[in-house]
Amino acid sequence: MLAIFDLDGVIVTTDEYHYQAWKSIAEKNGMTFDRELNHKLRGVSRRESLEIILAHNSRSFAEEEILKMLEEKNGRYVELLENLTPSDILPGVNELLGSLESAGWLKAIGSSSKNATAILKKLGLFDRFDTVVDGNHISNSKPDPEVFLLGAEKLSQNPDTCIVFEDAQAGIEAALAAGMTAVGVGDLKLDNCTVQYRTLEGVTVSDLLRLNLKGAIN
């Protein structure tokens, strides 16, 4: 069995850092950006996030300006990531990883972020995953299933033996499109997942093996 974890919102929350970075870029370029709009960027790539912001503001920029904004946003975000420590790991993550290791499961990260490896190293978690697939390895962002299918392929696993943990609707749809079991995480209501947990605290391997449950939220 293979457990594939989205990173932001499942393993750690860097949503505030994304918000601060995007807000600085938006304001610098005369655009509005708030937390509601920030929520719409969950699970999508940096380029697509900027496209959403531009559409929200009915603005367009030359390609050169867009690339500059993307570079500046990432630079600001990476600066903020320096604040991350292992204490930022979300509740239940370490315990669940330990249980999966004891049960002989494979573990992967499937994230649209291009900074996934750096984040995992800051958290001290990089070596606990058998593979990391992120925005540097894919051409299509969620809800396209590419990131999850590539993770399964790298570890020679069939999609029907994979369970995906996601906090965003785009990620849930990507998992389902990949033919995998989708587990929702967080308070945001997620449609079509087999089960949703508010946090991973208390989740066990036995729980995962009983995922014939439909629409439950614990």
N, C-alpha and C. Protein backbone atom coordinates (compact mmCIF):
# COMPACT_ATOMS: atom_id res chain seq x y z
N MET A 1 0.84 -1.20 0.00
CA MET A 1 0.00 0.00 0.00
C MET A 1 0.88 1.26 0.00
N LEU A 2 0.35 2.28 -0.63
CA LEU A 2 1.07 3.54 -0.71
C LEU A 2 0.18 4.68 -0.19
N ALA A 3 0.71 5.44 0.76
CA ALA A 3 0.03 6.64 1.24
C ALA A 3 0.71 7.85 0.62
N ILE A 4 -0.08 8.66 -0.10
CA ILE A 4 0.45 9.86 -0.75
C ILE A 4 -0.14 11.08 -0.05
N PHE A 5 0.73 11.94 0.42
CA PHE A 5 0.32 13.11 1.18
C PHE A 5 0.55 14.39 0.37
N ASP A 6 -0.50 15.20 0.26
CA ASP A 6 -0.27 16.57 -0.14
C ASP A 6 0.55 17.21 0.98
N LEU A 7 1.24 18.28 0.69
CA LEU A 7 2.12 18.87 1.70
C LEU A 7 1.43 19.98 2.49
N ASP A 8 1.11 21.06 1.82
CA ASP A 8 0.56 22.22 2.51
C ASP A 8 -0.88 21.96 2.93
N GLY A 9 -1.16 22.07 4.22
CA GLY A 9 -2.50 21.82 4.73
C GLY A 9 -2.70 20.42 5.25
N VAL A 10 -1.76 19.53 4.96
CA VAL A 10 -1.84 18.13 5.42
C VAL A 10 -0.67 17.81 6.34
N ILE A 11 0.54 18.10 5.88
CA ILE A 11 1.75 17.88 6.67
C ILE A 11 2.09 19.12 7.49
N VAL A 12 1.93 20.27 6.88
CA VAL A 12 2.26 21.55 7.51
C VAL A 12 1.36 22.61 6.88
N THR A 13 1.17 23.71 7.58
CA THR A 13 0.40 24.81 7.01
C THR A 13 1.31 25.99 6.72
N THR A 14 1.50 26.27 5.45
CA THR A 14 2.25 27.47 5.05
C THR A 14 1.31 28.46 4.34
N ASP A 15 0.02 28.25 4.53
CA ASP A 15 -0.97 29.09 3.87
C ASP A 15 -0.76 30.57 4.19
N GLU A 16 -0.40 30.88 5.42
CA GLU A 16 -0.18 32.26 5.81
C GLU A 16 1.00 32.86 5.05
N TYR A 17 2.04 32.04 4.81
CA TYR A 17 3.20 32.52 4.07
C TYR A 17 2.84 32.80 2.62
N HIS A 18 2.03 31.90 2.02
CA HIS A 18 1.56 32.14 0.66
C HIS A 18 0.75 33.44 0.61
N TYR A 19 -0.12 33.60 1.59
CA TYR A 19 -0.98 34.79 1.64
C TYR A 19 -0.13 36.07 1.70
N GLN A 20 0.83 36.08 2.61
CA GLN A 20 1.67 37.28 2.76
C GLN A 20 2.46 37.57 1.49
N ALA A 21 2.99 36.52 0.86
CA ALA A 21 3.80 36.71 -0.36
C ALA A 21 2.94 37.21 -1.51
N TRP A 22 1.78 36.57 -1.73
CA TRP A 22 0.91 37.01 -2.82
C TRP A 22 0.36 38.41 -2.57
N LYS A 23 0.04 38.72 -1.31
CA LYS A 23 -0.50 40.04 -1.01
C LYS A 23 0.52 41.14 -1.32
N SER A 24 1.78 40.88 -1.00
CA SER A 24 2.81 41.87 -1.29
C SER A 24 2.96 42.10 -2.79
N ILE A 25 2.88 41.03 -3.57
CA ILE A 25 2.99 41.14 -5.03
C ILE A 25 1.78 41.86 -5.61
N ALA A 26 0.58 41.49 -5.12
CA ALA A 26 -0.64 42.11 -5.63
C ALA A 26 -0.65 43.60 -5.35
N GLU A 27 -0.35 43.98 -4.12
CA GLU A 27 -0.40 45.39 -3.76
C GLU A 27 0.66 46.20 -4.52
N LYS A 28 1.83 45.59 -4.73
CA LYS A 28 2.89 46.26 -5.46
C LYS A 28 2.45 46.58 -6.89
N ASN A 29 1.55 45.74 -7.43
CA ASN A 29 1.11 45.90 -8.82
C ASN A 29 -0.31 46.44 -8.92
N GLY A 30 -0.77 47.08 -7.84
CA GLY A 30 -2.06 47.76 -7.86
C GLY A 30 -3.27 46.85 -7.91
N MET A 31 -3.16 45.67 -7.30
CA MET A 31 -4.28 44.72 -7.30
C MET A 31 -4.72 44.43 -5.87
N THR A 32 -5.97 43.99 -5.74
CA THR A 32 -6.48 43.60 -4.43
C THR A 32 -6.27 42.10 -4.22
N PHE A 33 -6.07 41.72 -2.98
CA PHE A 33 -5.88 40.31 -2.63
C PHE A 33 -6.27 40.13 -1.17
N ASP A 34 -7.18 39.17 -0.93
CA ASP A 34 -7.62 38.94 0.45
C ASP A 34 -7.58 37.44 0.76
N ARG A 35 -7.95 37.09 1.98
CA ARG A 35 -7.85 35.70 2.42
C ARG A 35 -8.84 34.79 1.69
N GLU A 36 -9.99 35.33 1.33
CA GLU A 36 -10.96 34.54 0.58
C GLU A 36 -10.38 34.13 -0.77
N LEU A 37 -9.73 35.05 -1.45
CA LEU A 37 -9.10 34.75 -2.73
C LEU A 37 -7.94 33.78 -2.53
N ASN A 38 -7.21 33.96 -1.43
CA ASN A 38 -6.08 33.07 -1.13
C ASN A 38 -6.53 31.62 -1.02
N HIS A 39 -7.72 31.39 -0.45
CA HIS A 39 -8.24 30.03 -0.31
C HIS A 39 -8.44 29.36 -1.67
N LYS A 40 -8.75 30.16 -2.69
CA LYS A 40 -8.98 29.62 -4.02
C LYS A 40 -7.70 29.14 -4.70
N LEU A 41 -6.56 29.48 -4.11
CA LEU A 41 -5.27 29.10 -4.69
C LEU A 41 -4.77 27.76 -4.17
N ARG A 42 -5.48 27.15 -3.25
CA ARG A 42 -5.03 25.89 -2.66
C ARG A 42 -4.92 24.80 -3.72
N GLY A 43 -3.76 24.16 -3.75
CA GLY A 43 -3.58 23.00 -4.60
C GLY A 43 -3.25 23.30 -6.05
N VAL A 44 -3.14 24.58 -6.41
CA VAL A 44 -2.84 24.91 -7.81
C VAL A 44 -1.42 25.49 -7.91
N SER A 45 -0.90 25.50 -9.10
CA SER A 45 0.49 25.93 -9.31
C SER A 45 0.63 27.44 -9.12
N ARG A 46 1.89 27.87 -9.04
CA ARG A 46 2.19 29.29 -8.88
C ARG A 46 1.66 30.10 -10.05
N ARG A 47 1.87 29.60 -11.26
CA ARG A 47 1.42 30.32 -12.46
C ARG A 47 -0.11 30.41 -12.48
N GLU A 48 -0.77 29.31 -12.19
CA GLU A 48 -2.23 29.33 -12.19
C GLU A 48 -2.77 30.21 -11.06
N SER A 49 -2.06 30.25 -9.93
CA SER A 49 -2.47 31.13 -8.84
C SER A 49 -2.45 32.59 -9.29
N LEU A 50 -1.39 32.97 -9.97
CA LEU A 50 -1.31 34.35 -10.46
C LEU A 50 -2.41 34.63 -11.48
N GLU A 51 -2.71 33.66 -12.32
CA GLU A 51 -3.78 33.84 -13.30
C GLU A 51 -5.13 34.07 -12.62
N ILE A 52 -5.36 33.38 -11.50
CA ILE A 52 -6.59 33.57 -10.73
C ILE A 52 -6.64 34.98 -10.15
N ILE A 53 -5.51 35.44 -9.63
CA ILE A 53 -5.44 36.79 -9.07
C ILE A 53 -5.68 37.84 -10.15
N LEU A 54 -5.06 37.65 -11.31
CA LEU A 54 -5.24 38.59 -12.41
C LEU A 54 -6.69 38.64 -12.87
N ALA A 55 -7.31 37.45 -12.98
CA ALA A 55 -8.71 37.40 -13.42
C ALA A 55 -9.62 38.08 -12.40
N HIS A 56 -9.34 37.87 -11.13
CA HIS A 56 -10.14 38.49 -10.06
C HIS A 56 -10.07 40.01 -10.15
N ASN A 57 -8.92 40.52 -10.56
CA ASN A 57 -8.73 41.97 -10.65
C ASN A 57 -8.96 42.52 -12.05
N SER A 58 -9.36 41.64 -12.98
CA SER A 58 -9.58 42.04 -14.38
C SER A 58 -8.35 42.76 -14.93
N ARG A 59 -7.19 42.19 -14.68
CA ARG A 59 -5.93 42.77 -15.12
C ARG A 59 -5.17 41.80 -16.02
N SER A 60 -4.32 42.35 -16.86
CA SER A 60 -3.44 41.54 -17.70
C SER A 60 -2.08 42.22 -17.76
N PHE A 61 -1.05 41.40 -17.89
CA PHE A 61 0.32 41.90 -17.94
C PHE A 61 1.06 41.18 -19.05
N ALA A 62 2.12 41.81 -19.54
CA ALA A 62 2.99 41.17 -20.52
C ALA A 62 3.68 39.98 -19.86
N GLU A 63 4.08 39.02 -20.69
CA GLU A 63 4.69 37.80 -20.18
C GLU A 63 5.93 38.10 -19.33
N GLU A 64 6.71 39.07 -19.75
CA GLU A 64 7.91 39.43 -18.99
C GLU A 64 7.55 39.90 -17.58
N GLU A 65 6.47 40.67 -17.46
CA GLU A 65 6.04 41.16 -16.15
C GLU A 65 5.50 40.02 -15.30
N ILE A 66 4.78 39.11 -15.95
CA ILE A 66 4.24 37.95 -15.22
C ILE A 66 5.37 37.11 -14.64
N LEU A 67 6.37 36.83 -15.44
CA LEU A 67 7.50 36.03 -14.97
C LEU A 67 8.22 36.72 -13.81
N LYS A 68 8.31 38.04 -13.88
CA LYS A 68 8.94 38.79 -12.80
C LYS A 68 8.13 38.67 -11.52
N MET A 69 6.81 38.77 -11.63
CA MET A 69 5.95 38.64 -10.46
C MET A 69 6.07 37.25 -9.84
N LEU A 70 6.11 36.23 -10.69
CA LEU A 70 6.24 34.86 -10.19
C LEU A 70 7.55 34.67 -9.44
N GLU A 71 8.61 35.24 -9.98
CA GLU A 71 9.92 35.12 -9.34
C GLU A 71 9.94 35.87 -8.01
N GLU A 72 9.35 37.06 -7.98
CA GLU A 72 9.32 37.85 -6.76
C GLU A 72 8.46 37.16 -5.69
N LYS A 73 7.34 36.59 -6.11
CA LYS A 73 6.48 35.90 -5.14
C LYS A 73 7.22 34.74 -4.52
N ASN A 74 7.88 33.94 -5.34
CA ASN A 74 8.59 32.79 -4.80
C ASN A 74 9.73 33.22 -3.89
N GLY A 75 10.42 34.28 -4.25
CA GLY A 75 11.50 34.77 -3.41
C GLY A 75 11.01 35.18 -2.04
N ARG A 76 9.88 35.89 -2.01
CA ARG A 76 9.30 36.31 -0.73
C ARG A 76 8.84 35.09 0.07
N TYR A 77 8.21 34.14 -0.60
CA TYR A 77 7.72 32.93 0.07
C TYR A 77 8.88 32.14 0.67
N VAL A 78 9.95 31.97 -0.09
CA VAL A 78 11.12 31.23 0.41
C VAL A 78 11.73 31.93 1.62
N GLU A 79 11.74 33.25 1.61
CA GLU A 79 12.23 34.00 2.77
C GLU A 79 11.39 33.66 4.00
N LEU A 80 10.09 33.64 3.84
CA LEU A 80 9.19 33.36 4.96
C LEU A 80 9.34 31.93 5.47
N LEU A 81 9.67 31.00 4.56
CA LEU A 81 9.83 29.60 4.94
C LEU A 81 10.98 29.39 5.92
N GLU A 82 11.88 30.34 6.00
CA GLU A 82 12.99 30.23 6.94
C GLU A 82 12.49 30.16 8.38
N ASN A 83 11.23 30.56 8.59
CA ASN A 83 10.65 30.53 9.93
C ASN A 83 10.16 29.13 10.33
N LEU A 84 10.10 28.20 9.37
CA LEU A 84 9.58 26.86 9.65
C LEU A 84 10.51 26.07 10.55
N THR A 85 9.91 25.30 11.47
CA THR A 85 10.66 24.36 12.31
C THR A 85 9.83 23.09 12.46
N PRO A 86 10.41 22.01 12.97
CA PRO A 86 9.62 20.78 13.19
C PRO A 86 8.38 20.99 14.06
N SER A 87 8.37 22.06 14.86
CA SER A 87 7.19 22.32 15.69
C SER A 87 5.98 22.72 14.86
N ASP A 88 6.18 23.03 13.57
CA ASP A 88 5.08 23.42 12.69
C ASP A 88 4.39 22.22 12.03
N ILE A 89 4.92 21.02 12.24
CA ILE A 89 4.27 19.82 11.70
C ILE A 89 2.88 19.71 12.32
N LEU A 90 1.89 19.43 11.50
CA LEU A 90 0.50 19.40 11.97
C LEU A 90 0.23 18.20 12.88
N PRO A 91 -0.78 18.31 13.75
CA PRO A 91 -1.08 17.24 14.71
C PRO A 91 -1.33 15.89 14.03
N GLY A 92 -0.74 14.85 14.61
CA GLY A 92 -0.98 13.49 14.14
C GLY A 92 -0.09 13.01 13.03
N VAL A 93 0.65 13.94 12.39
CA VAL A 93 1.46 13.56 11.22
C VAL A 93 2.56 12.59 11.61
N ASN A 94 3.36 12.94 12.60
CA ASN A 94 4.46 12.06 12.99
C ASN A 94 3.97 10.69 13.44
N GLU A 95 2.89 10.69 14.18
CA GLU A 95 2.36 9.43 14.68
C GLU A 95 1.85 8.54 13.55
N LEU A 96 1.15 9.14 12.58
CA LEU A 96 0.65 8.36 11.46
C LEU A 96 1.79 7.84 10.60
N LEU A 97 2.80 8.67 10.36
CA LEU A 97 3.95 8.22 9.59
C LEU A 97 4.62 7.03 10.28
N GLY A 98 4.74 7.09 11.59
CA GLY A 98 5.32 5.99 12.33
C GLY A 98 4.51 4.71 12.20
N SER A 99 3.19 4.84 12.26
CA SER A 99 2.31 3.67 12.13
C SER A 99 2.42 3.07 10.73
N LEU A 100 2.49 3.92 9.72
CA LEU A 100 2.61 3.44 8.35
C LEU A 100 3.95 2.72 8.15
N GLU A 101 5.00 3.27 8.74
CA GLU A 101 6.31 2.64 8.65
C GLU A 101 6.30 1.27 9.31
N SER A 102 5.67 1.17 10.46
CA SER A 102 5.62 -0.11 11.18
C SER A 102 4.83 -1.15 10.41
N ALA A 103 3.82 -0.67 9.67
CA ALA A 103 2.96 -1.59 8.90
C ALA A 103 3.54 -1.91 7.53
N GLY A 104 4.68 -1.31 7.18
CA GLY A 104 5.33 -1.61 5.91
C GLY A 104 4.75 -0.88 4.72
N TRP A 105 3.99 0.19 4.96
CA TRP A 105 3.45 0.97 3.85
C TRP A 105 4.54 1.86 3.25
N LEU A 106 4.41 2.15 1.97
CA LEU A 106 5.23 3.16 1.32
C LEU A 106 4.58 4.52 1.53
N LYS A 107 5.40 5.57 1.49
CA LYS A 107 4.89 6.92 1.75
C LYS A 107 5.49 7.88 0.72
N ALA A 108 4.64 8.76 0.20
CA ALA A 108 5.09 9.72 -0.81
C ALA A 108 4.47 11.08 -0.56
N ILE A 109 5.13 12.10 -1.07
CA ILE A 109 4.57 13.45 -1.11
C ILE A 109 4.12 13.72 -2.54
N GLY A 110 2.91 14.25 -2.70
CA GLY A 110 2.41 14.66 -4.02
C GLY A 110 1.92 16.09 -3.93
N SER A 111 2.77 17.03 -4.29
CA SER A 111 2.48 18.44 -4.07
C SER A 111 2.72 19.26 -5.33
N SER A 112 1.93 20.29 -5.52
CA SER A 112 2.14 21.20 -6.64
C SER A 112 3.25 22.21 -6.37
N SER A 113 3.67 22.30 -5.11
CA SER A 113 4.71 23.25 -4.73
C SER A 113 6.06 22.87 -5.32
N LYS A 114 6.81 23.86 -5.75
CA LYS A 114 8.17 23.62 -6.21
C LYS A 114 9.17 23.70 -5.05
N ASN A 115 8.66 24.00 -3.87
CA ASN A 115 9.51 24.12 -2.69
C ASN A 115 9.33 22.96 -1.72
N ALA A 116 8.71 21.87 -2.17
CA ALA A 116 8.37 20.77 -1.27
C ALA A 116 9.59 20.19 -0.57
N THR A 117 10.66 19.95 -1.31
CA THR A 117 11.85 19.36 -0.71
C THR A 117 12.44 20.27 0.36
N ALA A 118 12.52 21.55 0.08
CA ALA A 118 13.06 22.49 1.06
C ALA A 118 12.20 22.54 2.32
N ILE A 119 10.88 22.50 2.14
CA ILE A 119 9.98 22.52 3.29
C ILE A 119 10.16 21.26 4.13
N LEU A 120 10.20 20.11 3.49
CA LEU A 120 10.36 18.85 4.21
C LEU A 120 11.67 18.81 4.98
N LYS A 121 12.72 19.34 4.40
CA LYS A 121 14.01 19.37 5.10
C LYS A 121 13.97 20.30 6.30
N LYS A 122 13.28 21.43 6.18
CA LYS A 122 13.13 22.33 7.32
C LYS A 122 12.36 21.66 8.44
N LEU A 123 11.42 20.80 8.09
CA LEU A 123 10.60 20.10 9.09
C LEU A 123 11.28 18.85 9.63
N GLY A 124 12.38 18.44 9.00
CA GLY A 124 13.04 17.21 9.40
C GLY A 124 12.32 15.96 8.96
N LEU A 125 11.53 16.06 7.89
CA LEU A 125 10.70 14.94 7.43
C LEU A 125 11.15 14.35 6.09
N PHE A 126 12.10 14.96 5.44
CA PHE A 126 12.43 14.55 4.07
C PHE A 126 12.76 13.05 3.98
N ASP A 127 13.53 12.55 4.91
CA ASP A 127 13.97 11.15 4.85
C ASP A 127 12.89 10.15 5.23
N ARG A 128 11.73 10.63 5.64
CA ARG A 128 10.66 9.71 6.03
C ARG A 128 9.75 9.35 4.86
N PHE A 129 10.00 9.94 3.71
CA PHE A 129 9.19 9.63 2.53
C PHE A 129 10.01 8.88 1.50
N ASP A 130 9.36 7.91 0.85
CA ASP A 130 10.05 7.08 -0.13
C ASP A 130 10.27 7.80 -1.45
N THR A 131 9.43 8.77 -1.72
CA THR A 131 9.64 9.62 -2.90
C THR A 131 8.89 10.93 -2.70
N VAL A 132 9.37 11.97 -3.37
CA VAL A 132 8.72 13.28 -3.35
C VAL A 132 8.48 13.70 -4.79
N VAL A 133 7.22 13.92 -5.13
CA VAL A 133 6.84 14.44 -6.45
C VAL A 133 6.24 15.82 -6.22
N ASP A 134 6.81 16.83 -6.87
CA ASP A 134 6.32 18.19 -6.66
C ASP A 134 6.23 18.94 -7.98
N GLY A 135 6.07 20.25 -7.87
CA GLY A 135 5.87 21.06 -9.07
C GLY A 135 7.04 21.07 -10.03
N ASN A 136 8.20 20.61 -9.58
CA ASN A 136 9.35 20.53 -10.47
C ASN A 136 9.29 19.32 -11.39
N HIS A 137 8.40 18.38 -11.10
CA HIS A 137 8.37 17.12 -11.83
C HIS A 137 7.16 16.96 -12.75
N ILE A 138 6.23 17.88 -12.69
CA ILE A 138 4.97 17.70 -13.41
C ILE A 138 4.72 18.85 -14.38
N SER A 139 3.87 18.57 -15.37
CA SER A 139 3.48 19.60 -16.34
C SER A 139 2.08 20.12 -16.06
N ASN A 140 1.28 19.34 -15.34
CA ASN A 140 -0.12 19.68 -15.10
C ASN A 140 -0.42 19.68 -13.60
N SER A 141 -1.04 20.75 -13.13
CA SER A 141 -1.40 20.86 -11.73
C SER A 141 -2.72 20.16 -11.45
N LYS A 142 -2.98 19.89 -10.17
CA LYS A 142 -4.28 19.36 -9.75
C LYS A 142 -5.38 20.32 -10.21
N PRO A 143 -6.51 19.85 -10.66
CA PRO A 143 -7.07 18.50 -10.50
C PRO A 143 -6.58 17.46 -11.50
N ASP A 144 -5.61 17.78 -12.33
CA ASP A 144 -5.00 16.74 -13.16
C ASP A 144 -4.32 15.73 -12.22
N PRO A 145 -4.44 14.43 -12.50
CA PRO A 145 -3.90 13.41 -11.60
C PRO A 145 -2.41 13.14 -11.74
N GLU A 146 -1.72 13.90 -12.60
CA GLU A 146 -0.33 13.59 -12.93
C GLU A 146 0.56 13.42 -11.70
N VAL A 147 0.45 14.32 -10.72
CA VAL A 147 1.35 14.28 -9.57
C VAL A 147 1.21 12.98 -8.77
N PHE A 148 -0.03 12.49 -8.65
CA PHE A 148 -0.26 11.27 -7.89
C PHE A 148 0.11 10.03 -8.70
N LEU A 149 -0.20 10.05 -9.98
CA LEU A 149 0.15 8.90 -10.83
C LEU A 149 1.66 8.74 -10.93
N LEU A 150 2.37 9.87 -10.98
CA LEU A 150 3.83 9.79 -11.04
C LEU A 150 4.41 9.23 -9.75
N GLY A 151 3.83 9.61 -8.62
CA GLY A 151 4.27 9.07 -7.34
C GLY A 151 4.09 7.56 -7.27
N ALA A 152 2.94 7.08 -7.74
CA ALA A 152 2.69 5.65 -7.75
C ALA A 152 3.63 4.93 -8.70
N GLU A 153 3.86 5.54 -9.86
CA GLU A 153 4.76 4.96 -10.85
C GLU A 153 6.18 4.84 -10.30
N LYS A 154 6.65 5.88 -9.62
CA LYS A 154 8.01 5.87 -9.09
C LYS A 154 8.22 4.73 -8.09
N LEU A 155 7.15 4.35 -7.39
CA LEU A 155 7.25 3.31 -6.37
C LEU A 155 6.61 2.00 -6.83
N SER A 156 6.32 1.91 -8.13
CA SER A 156 5.79 0.68 -8.75
C SER A 156 4.52 0.19 -8.06
N GLN A 157 3.62 1.14 -7.79
CA GLN A 157 2.35 0.81 -7.14
C GLN A 157 1.18 1.05 -8.09
N ASN A 158 0.19 0.18 -8.06
CA ASN A 158 -1.03 0.39 -8.82
C ASN A 158 -1.89 1.45 -8.13
N PRO A 159 -2.58 2.29 -8.89
CA PRO A 159 -3.41 3.34 -8.29
C PRO A 159 -4.42 2.81 -7.26
N ASP A 160 -4.96 1.61 -7.49
CA ASP A 160 -5.98 1.13 -6.56
C ASP A 160 -5.40 0.67 -5.22
N THR A 161 -4.09 0.74 -5.06
CA THR A 161 -3.46 0.44 -3.76
C THR A 161 -2.98 1.72 -3.08
N CYS A 162 -3.40 2.88 -3.61
CA CYS A 162 -2.92 4.16 -3.09
C CYS A 162 -4.04 4.93 -2.38
N ILE A 163 -3.68 5.54 -1.26
CA ILE A 163 -4.57 6.42 -0.52
C ILE A 163 -3.96 7.81 -0.50
N VAL A 164 -4.73 8.80 -0.92
CA VAL A 164 -4.24 10.18 -1.00
C VAL A 164 -4.86 11.02 0.12
N PHE A 165 -4.03 11.80 0.80
CA PHE A 165 -4.49 12.72 1.84
C PHE A 165 -4.42 14.13 1.29
N GLU A 166 -5.55 14.82 1.26
CA GLU A 166 -5.65 16.13 0.62
C GLU A 166 -6.52 17.09 1.43
N ASP A 167 -6.17 18.37 1.38
CA ASP A 167 -6.97 19.39 2.06
C ASP A 167 -7.71 20.30 1.08
N ALA A 168 -7.53 20.07 -0.23
CA ALA A 168 -8.14 20.93 -1.24
C ALA A 168 -9.01 20.12 -2.20
N GLN A 169 -10.08 20.74 -2.68
CA GLN A 169 -10.98 20.04 -3.58
C GLN A 169 -10.28 19.62 -4.87
N ALA A 170 -9.38 20.49 -5.35
CA ALA A 170 -8.65 20.14 -6.57
C ALA A 170 -7.84 18.87 -6.37
N GLY A 171 -7.28 18.70 -5.17
CA GLY A 171 -6.51 17.50 -4.88
C GLY A 171 -7.37 16.26 -4.76
N ILE A 172 -8.56 16.43 -4.17
CA ILE A 172 -9.50 15.30 -4.09
C ILE A 172 -9.87 14.83 -5.49
N GLU A 173 -10.18 15.78 -6.36
CA GLU A 173 -10.56 15.42 -7.73
C GLU A 173 -9.39 14.77 -8.46
N ALA A 174 -8.18 15.22 -8.20
CA ALA A 174 -6.99 14.63 -8.82
C ALA A 174 -6.82 13.19 -8.37
N ALA A 175 -7.01 12.94 -7.08
CA ALA A 175 -6.88 11.58 -6.55
C ALA A 175 -7.91 10.64 -7.18
N LEU A 176 -9.14 11.13 -7.28
CA LEU A 176 -10.20 10.30 -7.86
C LEU A 176 -9.93 10.04 -9.35
N ALA A 177 -9.44 11.07 -10.04
CA ALA A 177 -9.11 10.90 -11.46
C ALA A 177 -7.99 9.90 -11.66
N ALA A 178 -7.13 9.77 -10.64
CA ALA A 178 -6.03 8.81 -10.70
C ALA A 178 -6.48 7.40 -10.35
N GLY A 179 -7.73 7.25 -9.92
CA GLY A 179 -8.23 5.94 -9.52
C GLY A 179 -7.80 5.55 -8.12
N MET A 180 -7.52 6.54 -7.27
CA MET A 180 -7.04 6.31 -5.91
C MET A 180 -8.12 6.66 -4.89
N THR A 181 -7.96 6.16 -3.68
CA THR A 181 -8.85 6.52 -2.58
C THR A 181 -8.49 7.91 -2.08
N ALA A 182 -9.48 8.77 -1.92
CA ALA A 182 -9.25 10.15 -1.51
C ALA A 182 -9.71 10.36 -0.08
N VAL A 183 -8.78 10.81 0.77
CA VAL A 183 -9.07 11.12 2.17
C VAL A 183 -8.93 12.63 2.35
N GLY A 184 -9.99 13.27 2.82
CA GLY A 184 -9.94 14.70 3.06
C GLY A 184 -9.37 15.01 4.43
N VAL A 185 -8.69 16.14 4.52
CA VAL A 185 -8.10 16.60 5.78
C VAL A 185 -8.41 18.08 5.96
N GLY A 186 -8.87 18.45 7.17
CA GLY A 186 -9.11 19.86 7.45
C GLY A 186 -10.58 20.18 7.66
N ASP A 187 -10.85 21.44 8.00
CA ASP A 187 -12.21 21.89 8.30
C ASP A 187 -13.00 22.29 7.07
N LEU A 188 -12.32 22.59 5.97
CA LEU A 188 -13.00 22.97 4.74
C LEU A 188 -13.73 21.77 4.16
N LYS A 189 -15.04 21.90 3.92
CA LYS A 189 -15.82 20.77 3.41
C LYS A 189 -15.31 20.35 2.04
N LEU A 190 -15.02 19.06 1.90
CA LEU A 190 -14.51 18.51 0.66
C LEU A 190 -15.50 17.48 0.13
N ASP A 191 -15.89 17.61 -1.12
CA ASP A 191 -16.86 16.70 -1.72
C ASP A 191 -16.16 15.49 -2.31
N ASN A 192 -16.86 14.36 -2.26
CA ASN A 192 -16.48 13.13 -2.98
C ASN A 192 -15.33 12.35 -2.36
N CYS A 193 -14.80 12.79 -1.21
CA CYS A 193 -13.77 11.97 -0.57
C CYS A 193 -14.44 10.82 0.19
N THR A 194 -13.72 9.74 0.38
CA THR A 194 -14.28 8.58 1.07
C THR A 194 -14.51 8.88 2.54
N VAL A 195 -13.60 9.60 3.14
CA VAL A 195 -13.70 9.98 4.54
C VAL A 195 -12.95 11.29 4.71
N GLN A 196 -13.36 12.11 5.69
CA GLN A 196 -12.65 13.35 5.97
C GLN A 196 -12.36 13.45 7.45
N TYR A 197 -11.11 13.77 7.78
CA TYR A 197 -10.68 13.99 9.16
C TYR A 197 -10.34 15.47 9.34
N ARG A 198 -10.68 16.02 10.46
CA ARG A 198 -10.32 17.42 10.71
C ARG A 198 -8.81 17.56 10.86
N THR A 199 -8.18 16.60 11.51
CA THR A 199 -6.73 16.52 11.56
C THR A 199 -6.36 15.04 11.44
N LEU A 200 -5.08 14.75 11.32
CA LEU A 200 -4.62 13.36 11.27
C LEU A 200 -4.39 12.78 12.66
N GLU A 201 -4.65 13.58 13.67
CA GLU A 201 -4.45 13.11 15.04
C GLU A 201 -5.38 11.95 15.35
N GLY A 202 -4.81 10.84 15.78
CA GLY A 202 -5.60 9.67 16.13
C GLY A 202 -5.93 8.75 14.97
N VAL A 203 -5.58 9.13 13.74
CA VAL A 203 -5.83 8.27 12.59
C VAL A 203 -4.83 7.12 12.59
N THR A 204 -5.32 5.91 12.40
CA THR A 204 -4.47 4.72 12.45
C THR A 204 -4.49 3.97 11.13
N VAL A 205 -3.57 3.04 10.99
CA VAL A 205 -3.55 2.19 9.80
C VAL A 205 -4.84 1.38 9.72
N SER A 206 -5.35 0.95 10.86
CA SER A 206 -6.61 0.20 10.87
C SER A 206 -7.75 1.03 10.30
N ASP A 207 -7.76 2.33 10.63
CA ASP A 207 -8.78 3.23 10.06
C ASP A 207 -8.69 3.25 8.54
N LEU A 208 -7.47 3.32 8.03
CA LEU A 208 -7.27 3.41 6.59
C LEU A 208 -7.67 2.13 5.88
N LEU A 209 -7.52 1.01 6.55
CA LEU A 209 -7.90 -0.27 5.95
C LEU A 209 -9.41 -0.48 5.96
N ARG A 210 -10.14 0.41 6.63
CA ARG A 210 -11.60 0.28 6.69
C ARG A 210 -12.26 1.37 5.84
N LEU A 211 -11.62 1.81 4.81
CA LEU A 211 -12.14 2.95 4.04
C LEU A 211 -13.24 2.59 3.06
N ASN A 212 -14.10 1.70 3.49
CA ASN A 212 -15.34 1.49 2.74
C ASN A 212 -16.42 2.42 3.29
N LEU A 213 -16.06 3.25 4.30
CA LEU A 213 -16.97 4.23 4.84
C LEU A 213 -17.25 5.31 3.81
N LYS A 214 -18.42 5.85 3.80
CA LYS A 214 -18.79 6.85 2.80
C LYS A 214 -19.20 8.15 3.49
N GLY A 215 -18.51 9.21 3.13
CA GLY A 215 -18.93 10.54 3.56
C GLY A 215 -18.84 10.80 5.05
N ALA A 216 -18.06 10.01 5.78
CA ALA A 216 -17.95 10.24 7.22
C ALA A 216 -17.01 11.40 7.49
N ILE A 217 -17.24 12.10 8.59
CA ILE A 217 -16.30 13.13 9.04
C ILE A 217 -16.10 12.95 10.53
N ASN A 218 -14.87 12.80 10.94
CA ASN A 218 -14.54 12.50 12.33
C ASN A 218 -13.96 13.72 13.05
